[in-house]
Amino acid sequence: MSWDLIFQHLFIVLAASLLSIVVGLPLGIWAYVSKAARPIILRVVDLLQTIPSLALLGIIMVVLDPGKLTVITGITLYSLLPIVRNTCLGLQEVDPGVKEAARGMGMSKPYRVLMVEFPLAFPTVFTGIRIAVVNAIGTAVFAAFVGGGGLGGVITQAIRISDMGQLLAATGVLMVIAVALDLTMSWFEGQMRKSRGGSKKMWIPVALIVAAFIALLPYGQSGSGDILLYDGDYSETQLMHHMAKMLIEDQTDLTVTIQDQMSQVNNWNALKDDGHTCDLMISYDGTLLTTFFHQDTPDVPEGMTIYDYVKEKALADYDIHVLGKPGFENTYAIGVPEELAEEYGLETISDLIPIADQLVFGAEQEFFTLEGSMKYNPFVEFYGLNFAEYRPVDMGLKYSAIENGTFDVSVVYTTDGLNIKVGLKVLEDDQSFFPDYFGAYIVRGDLLEKYPEVEGILEQLTGKISTQQMTELTYQVDVEGRTVDEVAREFLVSQGLLAA
């Protein structure tokens, strides 16, 4: 956790709050003055509030690219309900005598609503703004799922590696921010109620929000530099991206900027299009085949490896170069607790067949979907496994569930250092169900045209990182608590690729 992440989180909250005020106040006033529009407006903002946060962000990403704009748009839509409702309610509660007096003075309806009624209603309106801002602090955590930055990435990483200290620290920071903002806005609200509104006083807190937003603008800007990457959402991708940055900056005058955390799918979407926001990433030949190209192993021509096929297809279809394989393979694997493996003498997946009806299988929800062949149903049918029960769990909670004994068998990734931490034995895929998932840098063709030296620099890692070595590197980050930069630099020095 760093100050940059905290300020990024605040920027997202304030940007969404300002946008929700700009949109919500006119909607609330419209709902007040138009009896015909009122039920429609209020129903729509109610409906937006019922959509799950991640689903809403997913819908927005159909139109917008992953990143802060998607998150800010989503939080804005979530924040409309308290602002619109309180604006409408506050205007309805203005003393009818005041309204009648304004009419008697010959004021037009727009002037009366904006200059007489709205200032009197503003304390109630401000209560809605206060609720929206405080709620946005928690909702902004979901920015981590769409490359928006902020403290969400810290929290999800802490849950995944069961780092209670990091989890409590990040949560504590969010609580402090929420309490500080709530107390400050509550004080302003009290002052306005004492003075019964006031056209000048009511804009002071809004002006402060604008000022804070302007001060935090540097934390909301897109990355700048000669080469742009996104940070991965797991230590393995983070390590490879930081190694790329170190090598390129050490051997050239180019500046490499690593932006917010982003998942593999969102990173690919940000890389492949003409309006790209990154230039290269680490990925896997199996991921390219099944997730990015929406194909399966039978689609690979006979005599070609998955790597050769996706390398050819990526270049032909997207002008994206798949570089040499560093050597590590992060494929799916089946893991069981060491005690269970010793009790039943488990060495291969086939060894599970006679005892499967006594065991509970657990994995992330994605493994139980119907799309693709590398899923639960094809897997158990292929091996003839009949587990007593299967339980989907969030990916970030999977290793905690294994430690707690929630299930006996799980899908894991071969290079995950947490396999060592929780004492899992990785079983041999003796019937070769899972395809290759060899890591490789994938780079946009226009970047290599502009900076051809980058390819040679990244190829220095080809054949240098075995699966065992990558497991040890991720273990140092996820279990021992060392920083990604520290571990990446130490490895490059040990390989003679960076000076000590």
Protein backbone atom coordinates (compact mmCIF):
# COMPACT_ATOMS: atom_id res chain seq x y z
CA MET A 1 0.00 0.00 0.00
CA SER A 2 1.29 3.47 -0.89
CA TRP A 3 0.21 7.10 -0.82
CA ASP A 4 -0.22 6.95 -4.59
CA LEU A 5 -2.89 4.25 -4.23
CA ILE A 6 -4.65 6.19 -1.47
CA PHE A 7 -4.71 9.37 -3.58
CA GLN A 8 -5.89 7.40 -6.62
CA HIS A 9 -8.77 6.07 -4.52
CA LEU A 10 -9.67 9.57 -3.35
CA PHE A 11 -9.52 10.87 -6.92
CA ILE A 12 -11.99 8.21 -8.09
CA VAL A 13 -14.36 8.99 -5.20
CA LEU A 14 -14.27 12.76 -5.72
CA ALA A 15 -14.53 12.55 -9.52
CA ALA A 16 -17.57 10.29 -9.27
CA SER A 17 -19.08 12.49 -6.54
CA LEU A 18 -18.76 15.65 -8.63
CA LEU A 19 -20.21 13.94 -11.68
CA SER A 20 -23.11 12.55 -9.67
CA ILE A 21 -23.83 16.06 -8.31
CA VAL A 22 -23.75 17.55 -11.81
CA VAL A 23 -26.15 14.87 -13.08
CA GLY A 24 -28.20 14.23 -9.94
CA LEU A 25 -29.20 17.79 -9.00
CA PRO A 26 -30.86 18.61 -12.36
CA LEU A 27 -32.60 15.21 -12.33
CA GLY A 28 -33.87 15.83 -8.81
CA ILE A 29 -35.15 19.29 -9.73
CA TRP A 30 -36.79 17.89 -12.86
CA ALA A 31 -38.47 15.18 -10.79
CA TYR A 32 -39.81 17.91 -8.48
CA VAL A 33 -41.19 20.24 -11.14
CA SER A 34 -42.58 17.55 -13.47
CA LYS A 35 -45.18 15.20 -12.02
CA ALA A 36 -45.12 13.20 -15.26
CA ALA A 37 -41.33 12.68 -15.21
CA ARG A 38 -41.07 12.11 -11.45
CA PRO A 39 -42.02 8.41 -11.26
CA ILE A 40 -39.86 7.57 -14.27
CA ILE A 41 -36.77 9.35 -12.90
CA LEU A 42 -37.14 7.88 -9.42
CA ARG A 43 -37.76 4.36 -10.76
CA VAL A 44 -34.68 4.53 -12.98
CA VAL A 45 -32.32 5.62 -10.17
CA ASP A 46 -33.87 2.96 -7.92
CA LEU A 47 -33.24 0.35 -10.61
CA LEU A 48 -29.60 1.39 -11.04
CA GLN A 49 -29.06 0.83 -7.32
CA THR A 50 -30.24 -2.79 -7.60
CA ILE A 51 -27.65 -3.80 -10.22
CA PRO A 52 -24.66 -5.59 -8.62
CA SER A 53 -21.51 -3.43 -8.74
CA LEU A 54 -19.40 -5.82 -10.80
CA ALA A 55 -22.25 -6.46 -13.23
CA LEU A 56 -22.71 -2.71 -13.74
CA LEU A 57 -18.99 -2.24 -14.41
CA GLY A 58 -19.11 -5.14 -16.86
CA ILE A 59 -22.01 -3.53 -18.73
CA ILE A 60 -20.20 -0.19 -18.87
CA MET A 61 -17.05 -1.88 -20.23
CA VAL A 62 -19.03 -2.96 -23.29
CA VAL A 63 -19.01 0.74 -24.26
CA LEU A 64 -15.93 2.09 -22.48
CA ASP A 65 -12.43 0.67 -22.16
CA PRO A 66 -11.23 -0.70 -18.80
CA GLY A 67 -9.79 1.96 -16.52
CA LYS A 68 -10.74 4.86 -14.27
CA LEU A 69 -13.42 6.23 -16.61
CA THR A 70 -15.36 2.96 -16.35
CA VAL A 71 -15.16 3.01 -12.55
CA ILE A 72 -16.09 6.69 -12.24
CA THR A 73 -19.08 6.17 -14.54
CA GLY A 74 -20.24 3.17 -12.51
CA ILE A 75 -19.94 4.93 -9.14
CA THR A 76 -21.71 7.97 -10.56
CA LEU A 77 -24.71 5.86 -11.55
CA TYR A 78 -24.70 4.22 -8.10
CA SER A 79 -24.59 7.63 -6.40
CA LEU A 80 -27.58 9.13 -8.17
CA LEU A 81 -30.25 7.62 -5.93
CA PRO A 82 -29.60 9.56 -2.67
CA ILE A 83 -28.89 12.82 -4.53
CA VAL A 84 -31.93 12.70 -6.82
CA ARG A 85 -34.33 11.56 -4.09
CA ASN A 86 -33.11 14.08 -1.50
CA THR A 87 -33.20 16.92 -4.02
CA CYS A 88 -36.79 16.13 -4.92
CA LEU A 89 -37.75 15.56 -1.28
CA GLY A 90 -36.05 18.73 -0.04
CA LEU A 91 -37.86 20.88 -2.59
CA GLN A 92 -41.18 19.26 -1.72
CA GLU A 93 -40.66 20.06 1.98
CA VAL A 94 -40.09 23.81 1.51
CA ASP A 95 -42.74 25.78 3.42
CA PRO A 96 -45.78 26.24 1.16
CA GLY A 97 -46.11 29.80 2.52
CA VAL A 98 -42.70 30.68 1.12
CA LYS A 99 -43.65 29.25 -2.25
CA GLU A 100 -46.89 31.21 -2.29
CA ALA A 101 -45.12 34.44 -1.31
CA ALA A 102 -42.65 33.98 -4.18
CA ARG A 103 -45.54 33.48 -6.58
CA GLY A 104 -47.24 36.60 -5.22
CA MET A 105 -44.10 38.63 -5.94
CA GLY A 106 -44.40 37.62 -9.60
CA MET A 107 -41.34 35.38 -9.74
CA SER A 108 -41.14 32.96 -12.66
CA LYS A 109 -41.20 29.26 -11.80
CA PRO A 110 -37.55 28.59 -12.78
CA TYR A 111 -36.37 31.61 -10.77
CA ARG A 112 -38.53 30.64 -7.80
CA VAL A 113 -37.26 27.04 -7.75
CA LEU A 114 -33.58 27.87 -8.20
CA MET A 115 -33.23 31.08 -6.19
CA VAL A 116 -35.81 30.67 -3.42
CA GLU A 117 -36.76 27.04 -2.90
CA PHE A 118 -33.46 25.32 -3.73
CA PRO A 119 -31.35 27.26 -1.15
CA LEU A 120 -33.93 26.40 1.53
CA ALA A 121 -33.93 22.75 0.45
CA PHE A 122 -30.16 22.48 0.22
CA PRO A 123 -29.52 21.05 3.73
CA THR A 124 -31.67 18.05 2.78
CA VAL A 125 -30.05 17.93 -0.66
CA PHE A 126 -26.63 17.98 0.97
CA THR A 127 -27.58 14.99 3.12
CA GLY A 128 -28.00 13.02 -0.11
CA ILE A 129 -24.63 14.23 -1.38
CA ARG A 130 -23.02 13.23 1.91
CA ILE A 131 -24.50 9.71 1.71
CA ALA A 132 -23.36 9.36 -1.92
CA VAL A 133 -19.78 10.42 -1.16
CA VAL A 134 -19.38 8.08 1.83
CA ASN A 135 -20.89 5.15 -0.08
CA ALA A 136 -18.54 5.83 -3.03
CA ILE A 137 -15.51 5.23 -0.81
CA GLY A 138 -16.44 1.56 -0.41
CA THR A 139 -17.77 1.08 -3.93
CA ALA A 140 -14.49 2.37 -5.41
CA VAL A 141 -12.80 -0.81 -4.18
CA PHE A 142 -14.22 -2.52 -7.28
CA ALA A 143 -11.92 -0.35 -9.42
CA ALA A 144 -9.31 -3.08 -9.02
CA PHE A 145 -11.37 -5.44 -11.19
CA VAL A 146 -11.35 -3.12 -14.22
CA GLY A 147 -7.90 -1.52 -14.04
CA GLY A 148 -9.06 1.58 -12.21
CA GLY A 149 -6.42 1.65 -9.46
CA GLY A 150 -7.02 2.61 -5.85
CA LEU A 151 -6.98 0.46 -2.74
CA GLY A 152 -9.11 -2.36 -4.15
CA GLY A 153 -6.05 -4.16 -5.52
CA VAL A 154 -4.40 -4.09 -2.10
CA ILE A 155 -7.49 -5.59 -0.49
CA THR A 156 -8.00 -8.37 -3.05
CA GLN A 157 -4.30 -9.28 -2.91
CA ALA A 158 -4.39 -9.36 0.90
CA ILE A 159 -7.44 -11.67 0.83
CA ARG A 160 -5.78 -13.97 -1.69
CA ILE A 161 -2.56 -14.42 0.29
CA SER A 162 -4.32 -14.29 3.71
CA ASP A 163 -2.34 -11.23 4.81
CA MET A 164 -4.50 -9.98 7.67
CA GLY A 165 -2.16 -7.08 8.47
CA GLN A 166 -2.35 -5.69 4.96
CA LEU A 167 -6.10 -6.26 4.81
CA LEU A 168 -6.71 -4.44 8.11
CA ALA A 169 -4.39 -1.59 7.10
CA ALA A 170 -6.18 -0.98 3.79
CA THR A 171 -9.60 -1.32 5.41
CA GLY A 172 -8.51 1.03 8.18
CA VAL A 173 -7.44 3.67 5.67
CA LEU A 174 -10.84 3.47 3.96
CA MET A 175 -12.59 3.80 7.32
CA VAL A 176 -10.51 6.85 8.26
CA ILE A 177 -11.27 8.50 4.92
CA ALA A 178 -14.98 7.73 5.27
CA VAL A 179 -15.20 9.00 8.87
CA ALA A 180 -13.18 12.15 8.10
CA LEU A 181 -15.33 13.05 5.09
CA ASP A 182 -18.56 12.19 6.90
CA LEU A 183 -17.68 14.32 9.96
CA THR A 184 -16.61 17.26 7.80
CA MET A 185 -19.74 17.13 5.66
CA SER A 186 -21.91 16.58 8.73
CA TRP A 187 -20.53 19.79 10.26
CA PHE A 188 -21.30 21.75 7.10
CA GLU A 189 -24.78 20.25 7.02
CA GLY A 190 -25.40 21.36 10.59
CA GLN A 191 -24.25 24.89 9.84
CA MET A 192 -26.56 25.11 6.84
CA ARG A 193 -29.55 23.87 8.82
CA LYS A 194 -28.91 26.52 11.48
CA SER A 195 -28.87 29.25 8.85
CA ARG A 196 -31.71 27.62 6.87
CA GLY A 197 -29.66 27.27 3.74
CA GLY A 198 -28.22 30.38 2.15
CA SER A 199 -27.18 30.72 -1.47
CA LYS A 200 -23.54 31.42 -0.56
CA LYS A 201 -22.92 29.04 2.32
CA MET A 202 -24.40 26.08 0.49
CA TRP A 203 -21.69 26.12 -2.16
CA ILE A 204 -18.75 26.11 0.27
CA PRO A 205 -18.58 22.28 0.70
CA VAL A 206 -19.10 21.76 -3.03
CA ALA A 207 -16.26 24.20 -3.72
CA LEU A 208 -14.03 22.25 -1.32
CA ILE A 209 -14.82 18.99 -3.16
CA VAL A 210 -13.91 20.69 -6.45
CA ALA A 211 -10.66 22.02 -4.96
CA ALA A 212 -9.69 18.58 -3.62
CA PHE A 213 -10.53 17.02 -6.99
CA ILE A 214 -8.27 19.51 -8.80
CA ALA A 215 -5.46 18.84 -6.33
CA LEU A 216 -5.75 15.09 -7.02
CA LEU A 217 -5.93 15.40 -10.83
CA PRO A 218 -2.35 14.08 -11.30
CA TYR A 219 -3.47 10.77 -9.76
CA GLY A 220 -6.27 10.37 -12.28
CA GLN A 221 -4.35 10.96 -15.47
CA SER A 222 -3.46 8.17 -17.86
CA GLY A 223 0.08 6.89 -17.83
CA SER A 224 2.70 8.72 -19.82
CA GLY A 225 5.97 7.38 -21.14
CA ASP A 226 7.56 5.82 -24.19
CA ILE A 227 6.19 2.37 -23.31
CA LEU A 228 3.05 1.66 -21.30
CA LEU A 229 2.20 -1.51 -19.37
CA TYR A 230 -0.46 -2.42 -16.86
CA ASP A 231 0.43 -4.04 -13.58
CA GLY A 232 -0.86 -7.60 -13.31
CA ASP A 233 -3.37 -8.72 -10.71
CA TYR A 234 -1.06 -11.56 -9.56
CA SER A 235 2.54 -11.56 -8.46
CA GLU A 236 3.74 -13.57 -11.48
CA THR A 237 2.54 -11.04 -14.04
CA GLN A 238 3.74 -8.19 -11.83
CA LEU A 239 7.20 -9.72 -11.64
CA MET A 240 7.46 -10.13 -15.41
CA HIS A 241 6.23 -6.61 -16.11
CA HIS A 242 8.64 -5.08 -13.61
CA MET A 243 11.51 -7.11 -15.08
CA ALA A 244 10.62 -5.73 -18.52
CA LYS A 245 10.66 -2.18 -17.18
CA MET A 246 14.01 -2.66 -15.45
CA LEU A 247 15.71 -4.20 -18.47
CA ILE A 248 14.40 -1.69 -21.01
CA GLU A 249 15.20 1.35 -18.88
CA ASP A 250 18.63 -0.04 -18.02
CA GLN A 251 19.63 -0.68 -21.64
CA THR A 252 17.92 2.25 -23.39
CA ASP A 253 16.88 5.86 -22.75
CA LEU A 254 13.21 4.86 -22.97
CA THR A 255 10.78 5.48 -20.13
CA VAL A 256 8.52 2.57 -19.17
CA THR A 257 5.37 3.33 -17.17
CA ILE A 258 3.51 0.61 -15.29
CA GLN A 259 -0.11 1.66 -14.83
CA ASP A 260 -2.87 0.31 -12.58
CA GLN A 261 -3.52 -3.36 -11.94
CA MET A 262 -5.52 -5.12 -14.62
CA SER A 263 -6.67 -8.67 -15.31
CA GLN A 264 -5.39 -10.68 -18.28
CA VAL A 265 -8.61 -10.24 -20.28
CA ASN A 266 -8.85 -6.49 -19.72
CA ASN A 267 -5.13 -6.11 -20.40
CA TRP A 268 -5.53 -7.93 -23.73
CA ASN A 269 -8.44 -5.66 -24.66
CA ALA A 270 -6.34 -2.62 -23.82
CA LEU A 271 -3.46 -3.96 -25.94
CA LYS A 272 -5.02 -5.25 -29.15
CA ASP A 273 -7.13 -2.36 -30.43
CA ASP A 274 -6.11 0.76 -32.33
CA GLY A 275 -7.01 2.88 -29.32
CA HIS A 276 -4.65 0.84 -27.17
CA THR A 277 -3.55 2.05 -23.74
CA CYS A 278 -0.62 -0.34 -23.32
CA ASP A 279 2.14 -1.70 -25.55
CA LEU A 280 3.08 -5.10 -24.17
CA MET A 281 2.14 -7.66 -21.54
CA ILE A 282 3.05 -11.11 -20.28
CA SER A 283 0.55 -13.81 -21.15
CA TYR A 284 0.36 -17.54 -21.89
CA ASP A 285 -0.04 -19.54 -25.08
CA GLY A 286 -2.99 -21.44 -23.60
CA THR A 287 -4.65 -18.17 -22.54
CA LEU A 288 -4.21 -16.73 -26.02
CA LEU A 289 -5.80 -19.83 -27.54
CA THR A 290 -8.76 -20.39 -25.24
CA THR A 291 -9.52 -16.98 -23.71
CA PHE A 292 -8.40 -14.38 -26.25
CA PHE A 293 -8.99 -16.29 -29.51
CA HIS A 294 -11.99 -18.30 -28.18
CA GLN A 295 -10.62 -21.53 -29.61
CA ASP A 296 -9.70 -24.88 -28.15
CA THR A 297 -6.95 -27.46 -28.48
CA PRO A 298 -8.72 -29.33 -31.34
CA ASP A 299 -8.44 -26.09 -33.36
CA VAL A 300 -4.66 -26.30 -33.35
CA PRO A 301 -3.48 -27.85 -36.66
CA GLU A 302 -1.89 -31.26 -36.36
CA GLY A 303 1.84 -31.06 -36.01
CA MET A 304 1.80 -27.56 -34.48
CA THR A 305 2.25 -26.71 -30.82
CA ILE A 306 -0.15 -24.32 -29.12
CA TYR A 307 2.69 -21.81 -28.87
CA ASP A 308 3.52 -21.92 -32.58
CA TYR A 309 -0.15 -21.66 -33.55
CA VAL A 310 -0.98 -18.65 -31.35
CA LYS A 311 2.26 -16.93 -32.34
CA GLU A 312 1.28 -17.19 -35.99
CA LYS A 313 -2.36 -16.20 -35.41
CA ALA A 314 -1.55 -13.22 -33.14
CA LEU A 315 0.76 -11.77 -35.78
CA ALA A 316 -1.63 -12.38 -38.68
CA ASP A 317 -4.83 -11.18 -36.98
CA TYR A 318 -3.61 -8.45 -34.62
CA ASP A 319 -0.02 -7.56 -35.63
CA ILE A 320 1.01 -8.66 -32.15
CA HIS A 321 4.33 -10.44 -31.70
CA VAL A 322 4.60 -13.39 -29.33
CA LEU A 323 8.21 -13.46 -28.16
CA GLY A 324 10.27 -16.41 -26.96
CA LYS A 325 9.22 -18.49 -23.97
CA PRO A 326 11.08 -17.62 -20.72
CA GLY A 327 10.56 -21.26 -19.73
CA PHE A 328 7.97 -21.32 -16.96
CA GLU A 329 4.63 -23.01 -17.50
CA ASN A 330 1.73 -21.79 -15.40
CA THR A 331 -0.85 -24.33 -16.45
CA TYR A 332 -3.84 -25.63 -14.59
CA ALA A 333 -3.06 -28.41 -12.15
CA ILE A 334 -4.89 -30.41 -9.51
CA GLY A 335 -3.69 -29.95 -5.95
CA VAL A 336 -4.49 -31.88 -2.77
CA PRO A 337 -3.26 -31.42 0.82
CA GLU A 338 -0.02 -33.27 1.55
CA GLU A 339 -1.71 -35.26 4.35
CA LEU A 340 -4.36 -36.54 1.96
CA ALA A 341 -1.74 -37.42 -0.64
CA GLU A 342 0.26 -39.39 1.92
CA GLU A 343 -2.83 -41.17 3.30
CA TYR A 344 -3.91 -42.48 -0.10
CA GLY A 345 -0.59 -42.50 -1.93
CA LEU A 346 -1.72 -39.91 -4.48
CA GLU A 347 0.77 -39.08 -7.24
CA THR A 348 -1.41 -38.61 -10.34
CA ILE A 349 -4.89 -37.33 -11.06
CA SER A 350 -5.96 -40.87 -11.95
CA ASP A 351 -5.16 -41.93 -8.37
CA LEU A 352 -8.19 -39.89 -7.30
CA ILE A 353 -10.66 -42.10 -9.19
CA PRO A 354 -11.24 -44.77 -6.47
CA ILE A 355 -11.69 -42.20 -3.66
CA ALA A 356 -13.35 -39.29 -5.51
CA ASP A 357 -16.77 -40.08 -4.02
CA GLN A 358 -15.31 -39.33 -0.56
CA LEU A 359 -13.84 -35.96 -1.54
CA VAL A 360 -15.11 -32.42 -2.03
CA PHE A 361 -13.82 -30.51 -5.07
CA GLY A 362 -13.50 -26.72 -4.95
CA ALA A 363 -12.33 -24.06 -7.38
CA GLU A 364 -13.01 -20.51 -8.53
CA GLN A 365 -16.40 -19.90 -10.19
CA GLU A 366 -14.79 -19.55 -13.61
CA PHE A 367 -13.77 -23.22 -13.61
CA PHE A 368 -17.43 -24.27 -13.35
CA THR A 369 -18.67 -22.26 -16.35
CA LEU A 370 -19.79 -24.05 -19.51
CA GLU A 371 -17.64 -22.11 -21.97
CA GLY A 372 -14.50 -23.94 -23.16
CA SER A 373 -13.17 -27.43 -22.57
CA MET A 374 -10.83 -26.62 -19.67
CA LYS A 375 -13.69 -26.66 -17.17
CA TYR A 376 -15.07 -28.85 -14.40
CA ASN A 377 -17.55 -30.99 -16.37
CA PRO A 378 -15.17 -31.89 -19.22
CA PHE A 379 -12.43 -32.53 -16.64
CA VAL A 380 -14.40 -35.00 -14.48
CA GLU A 381 -15.82 -36.73 -17.56
CA PHE A 382 -12.36 -37.08 -19.10
CA TYR A 383 -10.88 -38.68 -15.97
CA GLY A 384 -14.03 -40.50 -14.85
CA LEU A 385 -14.14 -38.69 -11.50
CA ASN A 386 -17.29 -38.60 -9.39
CA PHE A 387 -16.70 -36.23 -6.50
CA ALA A 388 -19.06 -36.24 -3.52
CA GLU A 389 -19.63 -32.50 -3.96
CA TYR A 390 -18.20 -29.47 -5.74
CA ARG A 391 -18.08 -25.96 -4.34
CA PRO A 392 -17.42 -22.75 -6.29
CA VAL A 393 -15.52 -20.07 -4.37
CA ASP A 394 -14.12 -16.65 -5.18
CA MET A 395 -10.59 -16.92 -6.57
CA GLY A 396 -9.24 -14.63 -3.86
CA LEU A 397 -10.64 -16.90 -1.13
CA LYS A 398 -9.61 -20.24 -2.63
CA TYR A 399 -6.42 -20.80 -0.66
CA SER A 400 -8.06 -19.74 2.60
CA ALA A 401 -10.79 -22.30 1.92
CA ILE A 402 -8.17 -24.99 1.31
CA GLU A 403 -6.40 -24.14 4.58
CA ASN A 404 -9.71 -24.27 6.43
CA GLY A 405 -10.51 -27.70 5.01
CA THR A 406 -13.56 -26.51 3.09
CA PHE A 407 -12.64 -28.84 0.25
CA ASP A 408 -10.12 -31.60 -0.44
CA VAL A 409 -9.22 -31.17 -4.11
CA SER A 410 -8.76 -27.97 -6.10
CA VAL A 411 -7.57 -26.52 -9.36
CA VAL A 412 -4.39 -24.50 -8.88
CA TYR A 413 -1.72 -22.86 -11.02
CA THR A 414 1.61 -24.60 -11.17
CA THR A 415 3.77 -21.54 -10.40
CA ASP A 416 1.68 -20.19 -7.51
CA GLY A 417 3.82 -19.83 -4.42
CA LEU A 418 0.73 -20.25 -2.26
CA ASN A 419 0.75 -23.96 -3.18
CA ILE A 420 3.82 -24.23 -0.97
CA LYS A 421 2.39 -22.06 1.78
CA VAL A 422 -0.77 -24.13 2.28
CA GLY A 423 1.03 -27.48 1.81
CA LEU A 424 -0.49 -28.66 -1.46
CA LYS A 425 0.83 -31.55 -3.51
CA VAL A 426 0.39 -30.95 -7.24
CA LEU A 427 -0.71 -34.18 -8.92
CA GLU A 428 0.66 -35.27 -12.27
CA ASP A 429 -1.75 -34.79 -15.17
CA ASP A 430 -1.04 -38.36 -16.31
CA GLN A 431 -3.64 -38.34 -19.10
CA SER A 432 -2.67 -34.85 -20.36
CA PHE A 433 -6.04 -33.15 -19.98
CA PHE A 434 -4.75 -29.62 -19.43
CA PRO A 435 -3.03 -27.85 -22.35
CA ASP A 436 0.25 -25.95 -22.27
CA TYR A 437 0.29 -22.55 -20.60
CA PHE A 438 3.82 -21.33 -21.32
CA GLY A 439 4.47 -17.70 -20.47
CA ALA A 440 5.62 -15.27 -23.16
CA TYR A 441 5.73 -11.53 -23.69
CA ILE A 442 3.29 -10.31 -26.33
CA VAL A 443 4.16 -6.97 -27.94
CA ARG A 444 2.40 -4.66 -30.38
CA GLY A 445 3.96 -4.56 -33.83
CA ASP A 446 3.93 -0.76 -34.00
CA LEU A 447 6.00 -0.60 -30.81
CA LEU A 448 8.66 -2.87 -32.30
CA GLU A 449 8.68 -0.78 -35.47
CA LYS A 450 9.29 2.34 -33.41
CA TYR A 451 11.71 0.77 -30.91
CA PRO A 452 13.11 -2.40 -32.54
CA GLU A 453 15.69 -2.81 -29.78
CA VAL A 454 12.92 -3.73 -27.30
CA GLU A 455 12.49 -7.20 -28.81
CA GLY A 456 16.14 -8.14 -28.27
CA ILE A 457 16.07 -6.83 -24.72
CA LEU A 458 13.01 -8.89 -23.75
CA GLU A 459 14.38 -11.96 -25.53
CA GLN A 460 17.22 -11.95 -22.99
CA LEU A 461 14.74 -13.64 -20.63
CA THR A 462 14.00 -16.46 -23.09
CA GLY A 463 14.82 -19.78 -21.44
CA LYS A 464 15.96 -18.05 -18.23
CA ILE A 465 13.02 -18.73 -15.85
CA SER A 466 11.96 -22.30 -15.11
CA THR A 467 8.64 -23.24 -13.54
CA GLN A 468 10.43 -24.00 -10.28
CA GLN A 469 12.20 -20.65 -10.30
CA MET A 470 8.97 -18.76 -10.93
CA THR A 471 7.30 -20.65 -8.07
CA GLU A 472 10.13 -19.55 -5.78
CA LEU A 473 9.84 -15.94 -6.95
CA THR A 474 6.08 -15.77 -6.36
CA TYR A 475 6.57 -17.43 -2.97
CA GLN A 476 8.95 -14.65 -1.96
CA VAL A 477 6.33 -12.02 -2.87
CA ASP A 478 3.13 -13.70 -1.70
CA VAL A 479 4.37 -15.54 1.38
CA GLU A 480 7.57 -13.86 2.55
CA GLY A 481 6.17 -10.39 1.90
CA ARG A 482 9.04 -9.03 -0.20
CA THR A 483 8.28 -6.33 -2.77
CA VAL A 484 7.90 -7.16 -6.45
CA ASP A 485 10.68 -4.71 -7.39
CA GLU A 486 13.08 -6.23 -4.86
CA VAL A 487 12.50 -9.80 -6.01
CA ALA A 488 12.57 -8.92 -9.73
CA ARG A 489 15.81 -6.93 -9.45
CA GLU A 490 17.51 -9.64 -7.39
CA PHE A 491 16.64 -12.26 -10.00
CA LEU A 492 17.89 -10.15 -12.91
CA VAL A 493 21.15 -9.50 -11.08
CA SER A 494 21.56 -13.22 -10.39
CA GLN A 495 21.18 -13.87 -14.13
CA GLY A 496 23.77 -11.25 -15.05
CA LEU A 497 21.15 -9.10 -16.80
CA LEU A 498 21.46 -6.17 -14.40
CA ALA A 499 24.46 -4.78 -12.58
CA ALA A 500 24.50 -5.47 -8.85
